[in-house]
Amino acid sequence: MLLYVIRHGQTDYNREQRLQGARDIPLNDTGRGQARENGRTLASTALEFALDRFDWVSSPLSRTRETMELVRESAGLDPRDYRTDELLTELSFGDWEGQTLEEVGQHSRHLITAREQNKWRFRPPGAKAESYEMLAQRTDRFLSRITQPTICVAHGGVIRTLFNRIGQVDGDEAALLDIPQDRVLKVADGEIGWI
C-alpha cells in the first residue's frame, strides 16, 4: 500500500480550539495557504508515480474538499478530478461540537475527566458521537478498499487512527498526537511518517 495523506487546512474552529468533528466548517485564509503549500510540496517531491496516476480521495466535508481542490490546483492538476469517501469523515463529537473543551468542562467536568483517563475509547454524549476506537474501525474499512497508490485529504482524527493502525502507536497516545495541517504524511510498506 502506498498512501499520502494531508489534513485539511486550518478553520476558524481550529484556530479557536473548538471541537468541530463532523460539522461542516469552511477553511479560513490560513487554511487555504496551507493547502496550496501542500500541493506545491507534492508537486516538488520525488514521488513513486506521476501525480495523475494516483487515486485522489477526500472526506466529503467542505473543508477537506476545498483543501483537496487547492492542493490539486497548486500541483498543476484539475482541481475537481477526485472522489469522496464517507469513511474519511471526521469523528463526531456529538453534543460537544462547536464548544471548546474549557466550555464543556464548565457543564460536564466529570466527562472531561473520563475522557482524559481513556481518550481512545471515550465517546462524548450525543446520538451520533464516536470514540477514536469507532473511527479506527471506519479507517480500517477505508484501508481495506485501497487498490492503487492513493493521495487523500482527511482529518486529524483519521490521521491519528492511521498512526494507531499502521504505526502501532497505542490508542491513548495516538489520540493525543498533534497533527499538522501544513505537512504531508506518507504510509508505505507498513511504515508511516511525515515528508
N, C-alpha and C. Protein backbone atom coordinates (compact mmCIF):
# COMPACT_ATOMS: atom_id res chain seq x y z
N MET A 1 0.84 -1.18 0.00
CA MET A 1 0.00 0.00 0.00
C MET A 1 0.89 1.24 0.00
N LEU A 2 0.55 2.18 -0.86
CA LEU A 2 1.20 3.49 -0.89
C LEU A 2 0.12 4.54 -0.74
N LEU A 3 0.23 5.34 0.31
CA LEU A 3 -0.81 6.31 0.65
C LEU A 3 -0.16 7.59 1.15
N TYR A 4 -0.53 8.71 0.54
CA TYR A 4 -0.14 10.02 1.05
C TYR A 4 -1.39 10.68 1.61
N VAL A 5 -1.26 11.28 2.80
CA VAL A 5 -2.42 11.84 3.49
C VAL A 5 -2.13 13.28 3.90
N ILE A 6 -3.09 14.14 3.65
CA ILE A 6 -2.99 15.54 4.04
C ILE A 6 -4.18 15.87 4.93
N ARG A 7 -3.90 16.52 6.05
CA ARG A 7 -5.01 17.02 6.88
C ARG A 7 -5.54 18.31 6.23
N HIS A 8 -6.83 18.52 6.31
CA HIS A 8 -7.41 19.76 5.78
C HIS A 8 -6.72 20.96 6.42
N GLY A 9 -6.75 22.09 5.71
CA GLY A 9 -6.18 23.32 6.23
C GLY A 9 -6.98 23.86 7.42
N GLN A 10 -6.41 24.86 8.05
CA GLN A 10 -7.00 25.44 9.25
C GLN A 10 -8.38 26.05 8.99
N THR A 11 -9.25 25.90 9.98
CA THR A 11 -10.56 26.56 10.00
C THR A 11 -10.57 27.51 11.20
N ASP A 12 -11.58 28.36 11.26
CA ASP A 12 -11.72 29.22 12.44
C ASP A 12 -11.94 28.38 13.70
N TYR A 13 -12.64 27.26 13.57
CA TYR A 13 -12.82 26.36 14.73
C TYR A 13 -11.47 25.84 15.21
N ASN A 14 -10.57 25.46 14.28
CA ASN A 14 -9.24 25.02 14.69
C ASN A 14 -8.53 26.14 15.45
N ARG A 15 -8.58 27.35 14.89
CA ARG A 15 -7.89 28.49 15.50
C ARG A 15 -8.43 28.77 16.90
N GLU A 16 -9.73 28.60 17.08
CA GLU A 16 -10.37 28.87 18.37
C GLU A 16 -10.37 27.65 19.29
N GLN A 17 -9.81 26.53 18.82
CA GLN A 17 -9.76 25.26 19.55
C GLN A 17 -11.16 24.77 19.91
N ARG A 18 -12.06 24.89 18.92
CA ARG A 18 -13.41 24.36 19.07
C ARG A 18 -13.48 22.95 18.50
N LEU A 19 -14.28 22.11 19.10
CA LEU A 19 -14.49 20.75 18.60
C LEU A 19 -15.40 20.84 17.39
N GLN A 20 -14.85 20.57 16.20
CA GLN A 20 -15.70 20.70 15.01
C GLN A 20 -16.21 19.35 14.53
N GLY A 21 -15.42 18.30 14.69
CA GLY A 21 -15.89 16.96 14.35
C GLY A 21 -16.53 16.90 12.98
N ALA A 22 -17.77 16.42 12.93
CA ALA A 22 -18.46 16.23 11.66
C ALA A 22 -19.20 17.49 11.19
N ARG A 23 -19.09 18.60 11.94
CA ARG A 23 -19.69 19.86 11.47
C ARG A 23 -18.97 20.31 10.20
N ASP A 24 -19.71 20.91 9.31
CA ASP A 24 -19.15 21.30 8.02
C ASP A 24 -18.65 22.75 8.10
N ILE A 25 -17.44 22.92 8.61
CA ILE A 25 -16.85 24.24 8.84
C ILE A 25 -15.87 24.54 7.71
N PRO A 26 -15.93 25.73 7.09
CA PRO A 26 -15.05 26.05 5.96
C PRO A 26 -13.63 26.40 6.39
N LEU A 27 -12.72 26.34 5.44
CA LEU A 27 -11.34 26.80 5.66
C LEU A 27 -11.33 28.30 5.90
N ASN A 28 -10.29 28.76 6.61
CA ASN A 28 -10.03 30.19 6.68
C ASN A 28 -8.84 30.48 5.75
N ASP A 29 -8.41 31.73 5.69
CA ASP A 29 -7.34 32.09 4.76
C ASP A 29 -6.03 31.37 5.07
N THR A 30 -5.73 31.18 6.35
CA THR A 30 -4.53 30.42 6.72
C THR A 30 -4.63 29.00 6.18
N GLY A 31 -5.79 28.39 6.32
CA GLY A 31 -6.01 27.03 5.83
C GLY A 31 -5.85 26.93 4.33
N ARG A 32 -6.32 27.93 3.61
CA ARG A 32 -6.17 27.92 2.15
C ARG A 32 -4.69 28.00 1.77
N GLY A 33 -3.93 28.81 2.49
CA GLY A 33 -2.49 28.89 2.24
C GLY A 33 -1.79 27.57 2.54
N GLN A 34 -2.18 26.90 3.62
CA GLN A 34 -1.60 25.60 3.96
C GLN A 34 -1.89 24.58 2.86
N ALA A 35 -3.12 24.59 2.35
CA ALA A 35 -3.50 23.64 1.30
C ALA A 35 -2.67 23.88 0.04
N ARG A 36 -2.52 25.13 -0.35
CA ARG A 36 -1.72 25.44 -1.55
C ARG A 36 -0.26 24.98 -1.35
N GLU A 37 0.27 25.22 -0.17
CA GLU A 37 1.66 24.82 0.10
C GLU A 37 1.81 23.30 0.05
N ASN A 38 0.82 22.57 0.57
CA ASN A 38 0.88 21.11 0.50
C ASN A 38 0.83 20.63 -0.95
N GLY A 39 0.09 21.33 -1.80
CA GLY A 39 0.07 20.99 -3.22
C GLY A 39 1.44 21.21 -3.86
N ARG A 40 2.08 22.31 -3.50
CA ARG A 40 3.44 22.57 -4.03
C ARG A 40 4.42 21.52 -3.52
N THR A 41 4.25 21.10 -2.26
CA THR A 41 5.12 20.05 -1.70
C THR A 41 4.99 18.77 -2.51
N LEU A 42 3.75 18.36 -2.77
CA LEU A 42 3.54 17.14 -3.56
C LEU A 42 4.16 17.27 -4.95
N ALA A 43 3.98 18.43 -5.57
CA ALA A 43 4.48 18.64 -6.93
C ALA A 43 6.01 18.65 -6.99
N SER A 44 6.65 19.04 -5.89
CA SER A 44 8.12 19.15 -5.91
C SER A 44 8.83 17.94 -5.29
N THR A 45 8.08 16.99 -4.75
CA THR A 45 8.66 15.81 -4.12
C THR A 45 8.77 14.68 -5.14
N ALA A 46 9.86 13.97 -5.08
CA ALA A 46 10.05 12.83 -5.98
C ALA A 46 9.18 11.67 -5.50
N LEU A 47 7.98 11.58 -6.04
CA LEU A 47 7.05 10.52 -5.66
C LEU A 47 7.29 9.29 -6.54
N GLU A 48 6.71 8.19 -6.12
CA GLU A 48 6.90 6.93 -6.84
C GLU A 48 6.23 6.92 -8.21
N PHE A 49 5.19 7.72 -8.38
CA PHE A 49 4.43 7.77 -9.63
C PHE A 49 4.11 9.23 -9.94
N ALA A 50 3.77 9.50 -11.18
CA ALA A 50 3.28 10.83 -11.55
C ALA A 50 1.99 11.10 -10.77
N LEU A 51 1.75 12.35 -10.42
CA LEU A 51 0.59 12.70 -9.59
C LEU A 51 -0.73 12.26 -10.21
N ASP A 52 -0.82 12.29 -11.54
CA ASP A 52 -2.09 11.92 -12.17
C ASP A 52 -2.33 10.42 -12.20
N ARG A 53 -1.38 9.63 -11.72
CA ARG A 53 -1.57 8.17 -11.65
C ARG A 53 -2.08 7.71 -10.29
N PHE A 54 -2.19 8.62 -9.35
CA PHE A 54 -2.73 8.28 -8.03
C PHE A 54 -4.25 8.36 -8.05
N ASP A 55 -4.87 7.59 -7.16
CA ASP A 55 -6.29 7.75 -6.87
C ASP A 55 -6.38 8.86 -5.83
N TRP A 56 -7.13 9.91 -6.13
CA TRP A 56 -7.28 11.05 -5.22
C TRP A 56 -8.64 10.96 -4.55
N VAL A 57 -8.66 10.99 -3.21
CA VAL A 57 -9.91 10.81 -2.47
C VAL A 57 -9.94 11.73 -1.26
N SER A 58 -11.11 12.27 -0.98
CA SER A 58 -11.28 13.23 0.12
C SER A 58 -12.46 12.84 0.99
N SER A 59 -12.40 13.25 2.23
CA SER A 59 -13.60 13.27 3.08
C SER A 59 -14.63 14.15 2.37
N PRO A 60 -15.91 13.90 2.55
CA PRO A 60 -16.93 14.71 1.88
C PRO A 60 -17.18 16.08 2.49
N LEU A 61 -16.60 16.37 3.66
CA LEU A 61 -16.85 17.67 4.28
C LEU A 61 -16.19 18.79 3.47
N SER A 62 -16.78 19.98 3.50
CA SER A 62 -16.33 21.06 2.62
C SER A 62 -14.89 21.49 2.90
N ARG A 63 -14.43 21.43 4.16
CA ARG A 63 -13.06 21.85 4.44
C ARG A 63 -12.04 20.92 3.81
N THR A 64 -12.37 19.63 3.72
CA THR A 64 -11.45 18.70 3.07
C THR A 64 -11.56 18.80 1.55
N ARG A 65 -12.76 19.00 1.04
CA ARG A 65 -12.91 19.14 -0.41
C ARG A 65 -12.20 20.40 -0.91
N GLU A 66 -12.35 21.51 -0.19
CA GLU A 66 -11.65 22.73 -0.62
C GLU A 66 -10.14 22.54 -0.53
N THR A 67 -9.68 21.89 0.54
CA THR A 67 -8.25 21.60 0.65
C THR A 67 -7.79 20.78 -0.54
N MET A 68 -8.53 19.72 -0.86
CA MET A 68 -8.18 18.86 -2.00
C MET A 68 -8.09 19.67 -3.28
N GLU A 69 -9.06 20.51 -3.52
CA GLU A 69 -9.08 21.28 -4.77
C GLU A 69 -7.92 22.26 -4.84
N LEU A 70 -7.55 22.87 -3.72
CA LEU A 70 -6.41 23.77 -3.69
C LEU A 70 -5.10 23.02 -3.84
N VAL A 71 -5.00 21.85 -3.21
CA VAL A 71 -3.81 21.01 -3.36
C VAL A 71 -3.63 20.63 -4.82
N ARG A 72 -4.68 20.13 -5.43
CA ARG A 72 -4.58 19.69 -6.83
C ARG A 72 -4.26 20.86 -7.76
N GLU A 73 -4.91 21.99 -7.56
CA GLU A 73 -4.65 23.16 -8.39
C GLU A 73 -3.18 23.60 -8.26
N SER A 74 -2.67 23.64 -7.03
CA SER A 74 -1.28 24.05 -6.80
C SER A 74 -0.29 23.04 -7.35
N ALA A 75 -0.72 21.78 -7.48
CA ALA A 75 0.14 20.74 -8.05
C ALA A 75 0.01 20.67 -9.57
N GLY A 76 -0.81 21.55 -10.15
CA GLY A 76 -0.95 21.60 -11.60
C GLY A 76 -1.95 20.62 -12.17
N LEU A 77 -2.91 20.18 -11.35
CA LEU A 77 -3.91 19.20 -11.77
C LEU A 77 -5.30 19.84 -11.79
N ASP A 78 -6.22 19.20 -12.48
CA ASP A 78 -7.62 19.64 -12.49
C ASP A 78 -8.14 19.58 -11.05
N PRO A 79 -8.56 20.72 -10.50
CA PRO A 79 -8.97 20.75 -9.09
C PRO A 79 -10.12 19.81 -8.74
N ARG A 80 -10.99 19.50 -9.69
CA ARG A 80 -12.20 18.73 -9.37
C ARG A 80 -12.12 17.24 -9.71
N ASP A 81 -10.97 16.78 -10.13
CA ASP A 81 -10.84 15.38 -10.56
C ASP A 81 -10.41 14.49 -9.38
N TYR A 82 -11.36 14.25 -8.48
CA TYR A 82 -11.13 13.40 -7.32
C TYR A 82 -12.48 12.86 -6.88
N ARG A 83 -12.45 11.93 -5.95
CA ARG A 83 -13.69 11.36 -5.43
C ARG A 83 -13.75 11.59 -3.91
N THR A 84 -14.91 11.37 -3.33
CA THR A 84 -15.06 11.47 -1.88
C THR A 84 -15.42 10.10 -1.30
N ASP A 85 -15.14 9.93 -0.03
CA ASP A 85 -15.45 8.69 0.67
C ASP A 85 -15.93 9.03 2.08
N GLU A 86 -17.15 8.64 2.40
CA GLU A 86 -17.75 8.91 3.71
C GLU A 86 -16.92 8.34 4.86
N LEU A 87 -16.17 7.27 4.59
CA LEU A 87 -15.38 6.65 5.65
C LEU A 87 -14.31 7.59 6.19
N LEU A 88 -13.94 8.61 5.42
CA LEU A 88 -12.90 9.55 5.84
C LEU A 88 -13.45 10.74 6.63
N THR A 89 -14.75 10.80 6.87
CA THR A 89 -15.35 11.88 7.65
C THR A 89 -14.76 11.88 9.06
N GLU A 90 -14.56 13.07 9.60
CA GLU A 90 -14.01 13.18 10.96
C GLU A 90 -14.96 12.55 11.96
N LEU A 91 -14.38 12.07 13.09
CA LEU A 91 -15.24 11.53 14.13
C LEU A 91 -16.18 12.60 14.65
N SER A 92 -17.35 12.20 15.06
CA SER A 92 -18.34 13.14 15.59
C SER A 92 -18.13 13.32 17.08
N PHE A 93 -18.10 14.58 17.51
CA PHE A 93 -18.04 14.89 18.93
C PHE A 93 -19.43 15.05 19.53
N GLY A 94 -20.45 14.68 18.77
CA GLY A 94 -21.82 14.68 19.28
C GLY A 94 -22.26 16.03 19.80
N ASP A 95 -22.78 16.04 21.02
CA ASP A 95 -23.32 17.26 21.63
C ASP A 95 -22.23 18.30 21.94
N TRP A 96 -20.98 17.90 21.89
CA TRP A 96 -19.89 18.81 22.21
C TRP A 96 -19.46 19.67 21.02
N GLU A 97 -19.87 19.34 19.82
CA GLU A 97 -19.40 20.06 18.65
C GLU A 97 -19.76 21.54 18.75
N GLY A 98 -18.81 22.37 18.39
CA GLY A 98 -18.98 23.82 18.46
C GLY A 98 -18.48 24.42 19.76
N GLN A 99 -18.15 23.60 20.75
CA GLN A 99 -17.67 24.07 22.04
C GLN A 99 -16.16 23.82 22.17
N THR A 100 -15.52 24.60 23.02
CA THR A 100 -14.14 24.29 23.40
C THR A 100 -14.19 23.31 24.56
N LEU A 101 -13.09 22.64 24.84
CA LEU A 101 -13.05 21.74 25.99
C LEU A 101 -13.24 22.51 27.29
N GLU A 102 -12.77 23.76 27.32
CA GLU A 102 -12.99 24.59 28.51
C GLU A 102 -14.48 24.82 28.72
N GLU A 103 -15.20 25.10 27.64
CA GLU A 103 -16.64 25.30 27.76
C GLU A 103 -17.35 24.02 28.18
N VAL A 104 -16.93 22.88 27.63
CA VAL A 104 -17.52 21.60 28.04
C VAL A 104 -17.27 21.36 29.52
N GLY A 105 -16.07 21.69 29.97
CA GLY A 105 -15.71 21.49 31.37
C GLY A 105 -16.57 22.29 32.34
N GLN A 106 -17.13 23.39 31.88
CA GLN A 106 -17.98 24.20 32.74
C GLN A 106 -19.30 23.51 33.08
N HIS A 107 -19.76 22.63 32.20
CA HIS A 107 -21.03 21.94 32.48
C HIS A 107 -20.88 20.43 32.65
N SER A 108 -19.71 19.89 32.25
CA SER A 108 -19.54 18.42 32.31
C SER A 108 -18.12 18.05 32.70
N ARG A 109 -17.64 18.60 33.80
CA ARG A 109 -16.25 18.34 34.22
C ARG A 109 -16.00 16.84 34.38
N HIS A 110 -16.97 16.11 34.89
CA HIS A 110 -16.80 14.67 35.11
C HIS A 110 -16.55 13.93 33.79
N LEU A 111 -17.14 14.41 32.68
CA LEU A 111 -16.92 13.78 31.39
C LEU A 111 -15.54 14.13 30.82
N ILE A 112 -15.08 15.34 31.08
CA ILE A 112 -13.71 15.70 30.68
C ILE A 112 -12.72 14.80 31.40
N THR A 113 -12.95 14.56 32.68
CA THR A 113 -12.08 13.68 33.46
C THR A 113 -12.11 12.27 32.89
N ALA A 114 -13.28 11.77 32.57
CA ALA A 114 -13.40 10.42 31.98
C ALA A 114 -12.68 10.35 30.64
N ARG A 115 -12.78 11.40 29.85
CA ARG A 115 -12.10 11.45 28.54
C ARG A 115 -10.59 11.43 28.73
N GLU A 116 -10.08 12.18 29.68
CA GLU A 116 -8.65 12.22 29.93
C GLU A 116 -8.11 10.88 30.39
N GLN A 117 -8.93 10.08 31.04
CA GLN A 117 -8.49 8.78 31.54
C GLN A 117 -8.45 7.70 30.46
N ASN A 118 -9.23 7.87 29.38
CA ASN A 118 -9.25 6.86 28.33
C ASN A 118 -9.75 7.51 27.04
N LYS A 119 -8.92 8.39 26.47
CA LYS A 119 -9.36 9.19 25.33
C LYS A 119 -9.71 8.34 24.12
N TRP A 120 -9.01 7.23 23.90
CA TRP A 120 -9.23 6.39 22.72
C TRP A 120 -10.63 5.80 22.71
N ARG A 121 -11.12 5.38 23.85
CA ARG A 121 -12.42 4.70 23.92
C ARG A 121 -13.56 5.61 24.38
N PHE A 122 -13.23 6.83 24.78
CA PHE A 122 -14.27 7.72 25.29
C PHE A 122 -15.19 8.19 24.17
N ARG A 123 -16.48 8.11 24.44
CA ARG A 123 -17.49 8.57 23.48
C ARG A 123 -18.28 9.71 24.11
N PRO A 124 -18.21 10.91 23.52
CA PRO A 124 -18.96 12.04 24.08
C PRO A 124 -20.46 11.78 24.02
N PRO A 125 -21.26 12.57 24.74
CA PRO A 125 -22.70 12.41 24.67
C PRO A 125 -23.25 12.83 23.31
N GLY A 126 -24.35 12.21 22.92
CA GLY A 126 -24.99 12.54 21.65
C GLY A 126 -25.17 11.31 20.81
N ALA A 127 -26.27 11.24 20.10
CA ALA A 127 -26.64 10.05 19.33
C ALA A 127 -25.60 9.69 18.27
N LYS A 128 -24.97 10.68 17.64
CA LYS A 128 -24.03 10.41 16.56
C LYS A 128 -22.57 10.43 17.00
N ALA A 129 -22.33 10.66 18.29
CA ALA A 129 -20.96 10.78 18.79
C ALA A 129 -20.19 9.48 18.61
N GLU A 130 -18.88 9.62 18.42
CA GLU A 130 -18.00 8.47 18.21
C GLU A 130 -16.77 8.58 19.11
N SER A 131 -16.18 7.45 19.37
CA SER A 131 -14.87 7.40 20.02
C SER A 131 -13.82 7.25 18.92
N TYR A 132 -12.55 7.46 19.28
CA TYR A 132 -11.47 7.20 18.33
C TYR A 132 -11.47 5.73 17.92
N GLU A 133 -11.79 4.85 18.85
CA GLU A 133 -11.84 3.43 18.54
C GLU A 133 -12.88 3.14 17.45
N MET A 134 -14.02 3.79 17.52
CA MET A 134 -15.05 3.63 16.49
C MET A 134 -14.57 4.19 15.16
N LEU A 135 -13.92 5.34 15.20
CA LEU A 135 -13.37 5.93 13.98
C LEU A 135 -12.33 5.01 13.37
N ALA A 136 -11.50 4.38 14.19
CA ALA A 136 -10.47 3.47 13.68
C ALA A 136 -11.08 2.31 12.91
N GLN A 137 -12.26 1.86 13.31
CA GLN A 137 -12.93 0.79 12.57
C GLN A 137 -13.35 1.27 11.18
N ARG A 138 -13.76 2.55 11.08
CA ARG A 138 -14.05 3.11 9.75
C ARG A 138 -12.77 3.22 8.93
N THR A 139 -11.70 3.65 9.57
CA THR A 139 -10.41 3.77 8.88
C THR A 139 -9.97 2.41 8.35
N ASP A 140 -10.17 1.36 9.14
CA ASP A 140 -9.84 0.00 8.68
C ASP A 140 -10.59 -0.33 7.38
N ARG A 141 -11.86 0.04 7.33
CA ARG A 141 -12.65 -0.24 6.12
C ARG A 141 -12.12 0.55 4.93
N PHE A 142 -11.74 1.81 5.17
CA PHE A 142 -11.16 2.61 4.10
C PHE A 142 -9.86 1.97 3.60
N LEU A 143 -8.99 1.59 4.51
CA LEU A 143 -7.71 0.99 4.12
C LEU A 143 -7.90 -0.30 3.34
N SER A 144 -8.92 -1.07 3.70
CA SER A 144 -9.16 -2.35 3.02
C SER A 144 -9.60 -2.15 1.57
N ARG A 145 -10.07 -0.95 1.24
CA ARG A 145 -10.55 -0.67 -0.12
C ARG A 145 -9.47 -0.10 -1.04
N ILE A 146 -8.31 0.22 -0.48
CA ILE A 146 -7.25 0.81 -1.31
C ILE A 146 -6.68 -0.26 -2.24
N THR A 147 -6.76 0.01 -3.54
CA THR A 147 -6.27 -0.96 -4.53
C THR A 147 -5.18 -0.39 -5.42
N GLN A 148 -4.85 0.89 -5.22
CA GLN A 148 -3.81 1.53 -6.02
C GLN A 148 -3.19 2.66 -5.21
N PRO A 149 -2.04 3.18 -5.64
CA PRO A 149 -1.46 4.31 -4.91
C PRO A 149 -2.48 5.44 -4.77
N THR A 150 -2.57 6.01 -3.56
CA THR A 150 -3.65 6.94 -3.23
C THR A 150 -3.12 8.18 -2.53
N ILE A 151 -3.72 9.31 -2.84
CA ILE A 151 -3.50 10.56 -2.11
C ILE A 151 -4.85 10.98 -1.56
N CYS A 152 -4.91 11.20 -0.25
CA CYS A 152 -6.20 11.59 0.33
C CYS A 152 -6.08 12.80 1.23
N VAL A 153 -7.18 13.51 1.35
CA VAL A 153 -7.31 14.62 2.28
C VAL A 153 -8.34 14.20 3.32
N ALA A 154 -7.93 14.24 4.57
CA ALA A 154 -8.80 13.78 5.65
C ALA A 154 -8.70 14.73 6.83
N HIS A 155 -8.85 14.20 8.02
CA HIS A 155 -8.95 14.97 9.26
C HIS A 155 -7.94 14.49 10.28
N GLY A 156 -7.73 15.31 11.30
CA GLY A 156 -6.79 14.95 12.34
C GLY A 156 -7.12 13.62 13.00
N GLY A 157 -8.40 13.38 13.28
CA GLY A 157 -8.79 12.12 13.91
C GLY A 157 -8.48 10.91 13.05
N VAL A 158 -8.76 11.02 11.77
CA VAL A 158 -8.47 9.91 10.84
C VAL A 158 -6.97 9.63 10.83
N ILE A 159 -6.17 10.68 10.80
CA ILE A 159 -4.71 10.50 10.76
C ILE A 159 -4.22 9.88 12.06
N ARG A 160 -4.81 10.26 13.19
CA ARG A 160 -4.43 9.64 14.46
C ARG A 160 -4.71 8.13 14.42
N THR A 161 -5.82 7.74 13.80
CA THR A 161 -6.11 6.30 13.72
C THR A 161 -5.13 5.59 12.80
N LEU A 162 -4.60 6.28 11.79
CA LEU A 162 -3.57 5.68 10.95
C LEU A 162 -2.30 5.40 11.75
N PHE A 163 -1.94 6.32 12.64
CA PHE A 163 -0.77 6.09 13.49
C PHE A 163 -1.00 4.89 14.41
N ASN A 164 -2.23 4.69 14.86
CA ASN A 164 -2.55 3.53 15.68
C ASN A 164 -2.51 2.25 14.87
N ARG A 165 -3.17 2.25 13.73
CA ARG A 165 -3.30 1.03 12.95
C ARG A 165 -2.01 0.64 12.23
N ILE A 166 -1.33 1.61 11.65
CA ILE A 166 -0.14 1.30 10.85
C ILE A 166 1.14 1.50 11.64
N GLY A 167 1.19 2.59 12.43
CA GLY A 167 2.39 2.88 13.21
C GLY A 167 2.44 2.16 14.54
N GLN A 168 1.40 1.40 14.88
CA GLN A 168 1.33 0.65 16.14
C GLN A 168 1.46 1.55 17.37
N VAL A 169 1.02 2.82 17.24
CA VAL A 169 1.02 3.73 18.38
C VAL A 169 -0.19 3.40 19.25
N ASP A 170 0.04 3.26 20.55
CA ASP A 170 -1.04 2.96 21.48
C ASP A 170 -2.20 3.94 21.29
N GLY A 171 -3.42 3.46 21.42
CA GLY A 171 -4.60 4.27 21.17
C GLY A 171 -4.63 5.57 21.94
N ASP A 172 -4.44 5.52 23.26
CA ASP A 172 -4.49 6.75 24.05
C ASP A 172 -3.39 7.71 23.64
N GLU A 173 -2.23 7.19 23.27
CA GLU A 173 -1.14 8.04 22.80
C GLU A 173 -1.46 8.62 21.42
N ALA A 174 -2.00 7.79 20.54
CA ALA A 174 -2.36 8.26 19.20
C ALA A 174 -3.40 9.36 19.27
N ALA A 175 -4.35 9.24 20.19
CA ALA A 175 -5.42 10.24 20.32
C ALA A 175 -4.89 11.60 20.75
N LEU A 176 -3.69 11.64 21.29
CA LEU A 176 -3.09 12.89 21.75
C LEU A 176 -2.12 13.50 20.75
N LEU A 177 -1.84 12.81 19.66
CA LEU A 177 -0.86 13.30 18.70
C LEU A 177 -1.29 14.64 18.10
N ASP A 178 -0.31 15.54 17.96
CA ASP A 178 -0.55 16.81 17.27
C ASP A 178 -0.42 16.54 15.78
N ILE A 179 -1.45 16.80 15.02
CA ILE A 179 -1.46 16.52 13.59
C ILE A 179 -1.39 17.85 12.83
N PRO A 180 -0.25 18.13 12.19
CA PRO A 180 -0.10 19.41 11.49
C PRO A 180 -0.98 19.51 10.25
N GLN A 181 -1.28 20.75 9.89
CA GLN A 181 -2.11 21.00 8.71
C GLN A 181 -1.27 21.48 7.53
N ASP A 182 0.03 21.51 7.73
CA ASP A 182 0.93 22.01 6.69
C ASP A 182 2.02 21.00 6.33
N ARG A 183 1.70 19.71 6.50
CA ARG A 183 2.64 18.63 6.18
C ARG A 183 1.91 17.54 5.42
N VAL A 184 2.69 16.68 4.78
CA VAL A 184 2.15 15.54 4.05
C VAL A 184 2.65 14.27 4.73
N LEU A 185 1.75 13.35 4.99
CA LEU A 185 2.06 12.09 5.64
C LEU A 185 2.20 10.99 4.58
N LYS A 186 3.23 10.16 4.73
CA LYS A 186 3.42 9.04 3.81
C LYS A 186 3.24 7.72 4.56
N VAL A 187 2.44 6.83 3.98
CA VAL A 187 2.24 5.49 4.51
C VAL A 187 2.68 4.52 3.41
N ALA A 188 3.69 3.71 3.68
CA ALA A 188 4.19 2.76 2.67
C ALA A 188 4.90 1.61 3.36
N ASP A 189 4.67 0.42 2.88
CA ASP A 189 5.36 -0.77 3.37
C ASP A 189 5.30 -0.90 4.89
N GLY A 190 4.12 -0.62 5.45
CA GLY A 190 3.94 -0.76 6.89
C GLY A 190 4.58 0.33 7.72
N GLU A 191 5.10 1.37 7.09
CA GLU A 191 5.72 2.48 7.83
C GLU A 191 4.94 3.76 7.60
N ILE A 192 5.03 4.66 8.56
CA ILE A 192 4.27 5.91 8.50
C ILE A 192 5.15 7.04 9.00
N GLY A 193 5.13 8.17 8.28
CA GLY A 193 5.93 9.31 8.71
C GLY A 193 5.70 10.52 7.82
N TRP A 194 6.07 11.68 8.32
CA TRP A 194 5.87 12.95 7.58
C TRP A 194 6.99 13.17 6.59
N ILE A 195 6.63 13.72 5.42
CA ILE A 195 7.67 14.07 4.45
C ILE A 195 7.86 15.58 4.45
